[in-house]
Amino acid sequence: MKKSTILFDLDGTLVNTGEGVTKSVRYALEQFGIDETDQKKLERFIGPPLMESFPREYGFSVKKSSEAVTFFRQRYETVGVYECELYKDVEKSLQRLQELGCKLAVASSKREELCHVVLEYLNVDKYFDLIGGARDAGTSTKIQVLEDVVERSALKDRSQAVLIGDTRYDALGAREAGIDCIGITYGFEQDFDEMRNAGVLGMFDTLWDVVAFLESSD
C-alpha cells in the first residue's frame, strides 16, 4: 500500500451533514425574505466556504454574505450540527485503515471546532490522529485547510498522502496542494466530470471500495 497518510473531507465523505446544513442555509435565506425550495441548490452550500456560496448562488454582497453566515451559524451551531449521520461503511473503513497502520486525518472546510463536535457526537473521533478544519470559518479555502493540516501533520512526502473527498473543491484543492485525491460518488457533488478533470485517482461508490483500492495499490 503506497499511501501512509489518509486525509478525509468531512461533509459528504464521512458524514451526511446535508439535513443540518441545508436547513440552516434555508433559515439564513429566510431572514432576507428568500424562501428557497430547490434542495439541490441548497446542497451546493455543503463543502465550499459560505462566503463564496452566498455570492455565487444569490449574488449577495460581501456585507450581506457576512450577515447570512451569522444567521446560518445561529441555527447550525445549536441544532443543525447534530442533524447528521455516518455514511455506510465509514467506521469499518476507518478501523481497517487504522489496522493497516495508516495515519488518519480530517481536512474539512467546516470550522474546526464543529468538526470535533460532529465526530465526537458520532463516536468516531478516536480514529483520527488529527482533526483539521477551517480556522477562519466561512472564508478558508480547501487549499488553505490542506496546507494547514499538512504542516500540523509534519508530512514530509506529499506523495505518501491522499485526500478522499466528494466534490470538485476537494479535487482541485488537493491538486493545488500536490496531493493525490480519490473521489466518492455518494456525497454532494452534482458533476463528476469536474472531479475527473481535476485528476482524481478514481471514483468509488463506497468508502469500503476506496479502502480496497488503496490496499491493492503498490
Protein backbone atom coordinates (compact mmCIF):
# COMPACT_ATOMS: atom_id res chain seq x y z
CA MET A 1 0.00 0.00 0.00
CA LYS A 2 1.61 3.24 -1.19
CA LYS A 3 -0.28 5.76 0.92
CA SER A 4 0.59 6.08 4.59
CA THR A 5 -1.42 9.25 5.36
CA ILE A 6 -5.12 9.32 4.53
CA LEU A 7 -6.85 12.69 4.64
CA PHE A 8 -10.63 12.92 4.67
CA ASP A 9 -13.08 15.60 3.77
CA LEU A 10 -15.93 15.52 6.30
CA ASP A 11 -19.24 16.78 4.86
CA GLY A 12 -20.41 14.40 2.16
CA THR A 13 -17.50 11.99 2.64
CA LEU A 14 -17.51 10.73 6.23
CA VAL A 15 -20.74 12.27 7.42
CA ASN A 16 -24.04 13.09 5.79
CA THR A 17 -24.50 16.60 7.15
CA GLY A 18 -27.00 17.56 4.47
CA GLU A 19 -30.04 17.99 6.69
CA GLY A 20 -28.36 20.30 9.18
CA VAL A 21 -26.54 22.41 6.61
CA THR A 22 -29.41 22.87 4.17
CA LYS A 23 -31.95 23.67 6.88
CA SER A 24 -29.56 26.25 8.30
CA VAL A 25 -28.93 27.81 4.88
CA ARG A 26 -32.69 27.96 4.33
CA TYR A 27 -33.08 29.64 7.74
CA ALA A 28 -30.44 32.23 6.81
CA LEU A 29 -32.12 32.97 3.48
CA GLU A 30 -35.49 33.39 5.16
CA GLN A 31 -34.05 36.31 7.13
CA PHE A 32 -33.70 38.10 3.77
CA GLY A 33 -37.17 37.17 2.59
CA ILE A 34 -35.96 34.32 0.36
CA ASP A 35 -37.98 31.10 0.50
CA GLU A 36 -35.74 28.56 -1.24
CA THR A 37 -37.41 25.27 -2.12
CA ASP A 38 -34.77 23.89 -4.52
CA GLN A 39 -32.99 21.27 -2.41
CA LYS A 40 -30.23 20.77 -5.00
CA LYS A 41 -29.39 24.45 -4.85
CA LEU A 42 -29.22 24.32 -1.05
CA GLU A 43 -26.95 21.28 -1.24
CA ARG A 44 -24.40 23.30 -3.23
CA PHE A 45 -23.62 25.05 0.06
CA ILE A 46 -22.26 21.82 1.53
CA GLY A 47 -18.47 21.87 1.36
CA PRO A 48 -17.34 25.23 -0.04
CA PRO A 49 -16.84 28.28 2.22
CA LEU A 50 -20.15 30.01 2.91
CA MET A 51 -18.65 33.37 1.99
CA GLU A 52 -18.20 32.02 -1.53
CA SER A 53 -21.54 30.25 -1.73
CA PHE A 54 -23.93 33.10 -0.90
CA PRO A 55 -22.50 35.40 -3.62
CA ARG A 56 -22.30 32.55 -6.13
CA GLU A 57 -25.85 31.32 -5.64
CA TYR A 58 -27.71 34.53 -4.75
CA GLY A 59 -25.47 37.43 -5.78
CA PHE A 60 -25.04 38.59 -2.17
CA SER A 61 -22.52 41.35 -1.48
CA VAL A 62 -19.67 40.73 0.96
CA LYS A 63 -21.59 42.54 3.70
CA LYS A 64 -24.82 40.67 3.02
CA SER A 65 -22.96 37.33 2.83
CA SER A 66 -21.36 38.02 6.19
CA GLU A 67 -24.80 38.68 7.69
CA ALA A 68 -26.10 35.48 6.11
CA VAL A 69 -23.24 33.48 7.60
CA THR A 70 -24.13 34.87 11.03
CA PHE A 71 -27.76 33.76 10.61
CA PHE A 72 -26.60 30.35 9.37
CA ARG A 73 -24.50 29.87 12.48
CA GLN A 74 -27.34 30.81 14.79
CA ARG A 75 -29.21 27.70 13.73
CA TYR A 76 -26.41 25.37 12.71
CA GLU A 77 -24.28 25.63 15.84
CA THR A 78 -27.20 24.96 18.19
CA VAL A 79 -29.33 22.49 16.22
CA GLY A 80 -28.02 21.71 12.75
CA VAL A 81 -24.65 20.34 13.78
CA TYR A 82 -26.43 17.33 15.32
CA GLU A 83 -28.64 16.67 12.27
CA CYS A 84 -26.17 14.25 10.72
CA GLU A 85 -25.22 10.59 10.37
CA LEU A 86 -22.27 8.48 9.26
CA TYR A 87 -22.35 7.14 5.74
CA LYS A 88 -22.42 3.38 5.21
CA ASP A 89 -19.14 1.54 5.88
CA VAL A 90 -17.37 4.58 7.30
CA GLU A 91 -16.50 3.17 10.71
CA LYS A 92 -15.33 -0.23 9.44
CA SER A 93 -13.25 1.55 6.77
CA LEU A 94 -11.57 3.73 9.40
CA GLN A 95 -10.92 0.65 11.52
CA ARG A 96 -9.33 -1.16 8.58
CA LEU A 97 -7.09 1.75 7.63
CA GLN A 98 -6.00 2.05 11.25
CA GLU A 99 -5.19 -1.67 11.30
CA LEU A 100 -3.04 -1.15 8.21
CA GLY A 101 -1.00 1.42 10.12
CA CYS A 102 -2.21 4.48 8.23
CA LYS A 103 -2.17 7.92 9.78
CA LEU A 104 -5.70 9.32 9.52
CA ALA A 105 -6.62 12.99 9.48
CA VAL A 106 -9.59 15.20 8.67
CA ALA A 107 -9.15 18.19 6.36
CA SER A 108 -12.51 19.96 6.22
CA SER A 109 -13.70 23.43 5.24
CA LYS A 110 -16.07 23.24 8.21
CA ARG A 111 -14.89 25.19 11.24
CA GLU A 112 -12.50 23.00 13.19
CA GLU A 113 -14.40 23.14 16.47
CA LEU A 114 -17.52 21.90 14.70
CA CYS A 115 -15.59 19.05 13.09
CA HIS A 116 -14.72 17.88 16.59
CA VAL A 117 -18.34 18.24 17.73
CA VAL A 118 -19.67 16.17 14.81
CA LEU A 119 -17.09 13.39 15.05
CA GLU A 120 -17.35 13.15 18.82
CA TYR A 121 -21.15 13.08 18.58
CA LEU A 122 -20.90 10.15 16.15
CA ASN A 123 -18.17 8.49 18.26
CA VAL A 124 -15.54 8.21 15.52
CA ASP A 125 -13.13 10.95 16.61
CA LYS A 126 -10.97 8.21 18.20
CA TYR A 127 -9.77 7.03 14.78
CA PHE A 128 -8.06 10.28 13.80
CA ASP A 129 -4.55 11.43 14.57
CA LEU A 130 -5.59 14.97 13.63
CA ILE A 131 -8.94 16.65 13.08
CA GLY A 132 -8.29 19.72 10.98
CA GLY A 133 -10.79 22.26 9.78
CA ALA A 134 -11.17 25.89 8.84
CA ARG A 135 -9.57 28.36 11.23
CA ASP A 136 -11.30 31.32 9.57
CA ALA A 137 -14.84 30.00 9.32
CA GLY A 138 -16.74 30.85 6.17
CA THR A 139 -13.69 32.00 4.20
CA SER A 140 -10.95 29.36 4.45
CA THR A 141 -10.44 27.61 1.11
CA LYS A 142 -9.70 23.90 0.71
CA ILE A 143 -6.09 24.58 -0.21
CA GLN A 144 -5.63 26.66 2.95
CA VAL A 145 -7.09 23.88 5.08
CA LEU A 146 -4.94 21.24 3.38
CA GLU A 147 -1.74 23.25 3.79
CA ASP A 148 -2.53 23.74 7.47
CA VAL A 149 -3.22 20.02 8.00
CA VAL A 150 -0.06 19.03 6.11
CA GLU A 151 2.01 21.34 8.29
CA ARG A 152 0.45 20.13 11.55
CA SER A 153 0.80 16.50 10.47
CA ALA A 154 4.52 17.03 9.81
CA LEU A 155 4.01 15.35 6.44
CA LYS A 156 7.38 15.29 4.69
CA ASP A 157 6.47 13.49 1.47
CA ARG A 158 3.17 14.54 -0.08
CA SER A 159 3.27 11.60 -2.46
CA GLN A 160 2.55 9.41 0.57
CA ALA A 161 -0.76 11.16 1.22
CA VAL A 162 -4.17 11.05 -0.43
CA LEU A 163 -7.30 13.10 0.15
CA ILE A 164 -10.67 11.36 -0.05
CA GLY A 165 -13.46 13.77 -0.91
CA ASP A 166 -16.81 14.16 -2.60
CA THR A 167 -16.59 17.44 -4.54
CA ARG A 168 -14.61 19.30 -7.16
CA TYR A 169 -13.37 21.59 -4.39
CA ASP A 170 -11.63 18.63 -2.76
CA ALA A 171 -10.09 17.51 -6.04
CA LEU A 172 -8.94 20.97 -7.06
CA GLY A 173 -7.61 21.78 -3.59
CA ALA A 174 -5.66 18.52 -3.47
CA ARG A 175 -4.19 19.14 -6.92
CA GLU A 176 -3.08 22.62 -5.88
CA ALA A 177 -1.52 21.18 -2.71
CA GLY A 178 0.34 18.49 -4.65
CA ILE A 179 -1.64 15.68 -3.03
CA ASP A 180 -3.46 12.85 -4.79
CA CYS A 181 -7.24 12.72 -4.47
CA ILE A 182 -9.81 9.93 -4.61
CA GLY A 183 -13.42 10.82 -5.30
CA ILE A 184 -16.55 9.21 -3.91
CA THR A 185 -19.94 9.30 -5.62
CA TYR A 186 -22.34 9.16 -2.66
CA GLY A 187 -21.72 12.71 -1.43
CA PHE A 188 -22.93 16.09 -2.64
CA GLU A 189 -21.12 16.65 -5.95
CA GLN A 190 -23.53 17.04 -8.85
CA ASP A 191 -20.98 16.99 -11.70
CA PHE A 192 -18.48 14.13 -11.50
CA ASP A 193 -16.75 15.28 -14.69
CA GLU A 194 -15.39 18.23 -12.72
CA MET A 195 -13.70 15.82 -10.33
CA ARG A 196 -12.37 13.62 -13.10
CA ASN A 197 -10.98 16.66 -14.92
CA ALA A 198 -9.11 17.59 -11.75
CA GLY A 199 -7.23 14.31 -11.99
CA VAL A 200 -8.61 12.10 -9.23
CA LEU A 201 -7.09 8.63 -8.97
CA GLY A 202 -10.55 7.10 -9.25
CA MET A 203 -14.22 7.42 -8.33
CA PHE A 204 -15.87 4.94 -5.96
CA ASP A 205 -19.38 4.25 -4.71
CA THR A 206 -18.47 3.40 -1.10
CA LEU A 207 -15.64 4.16 1.28
CA TRP A 208 -15.04 0.42 1.63
CA ASP A 209 -14.33 0.32 -2.12
CA VAL A 210 -11.76 3.07 -1.59
CA VAL A 211 -10.05 1.03 1.12
CA ALA A 212 -9.91 -1.99 -1.21
CA PHE A 213 -8.37 0.20 -3.93
CA LEU A 214 -5.76 1.57 -1.53
CA GLU A 215 -4.89 -1.92 -0.28
CA SER A 216 -4.40 -3.18 -3.84
CA SER A 217 -2.13 -0.29 -4.79
CA ASP A 218 1.59 -0.98 -4.75
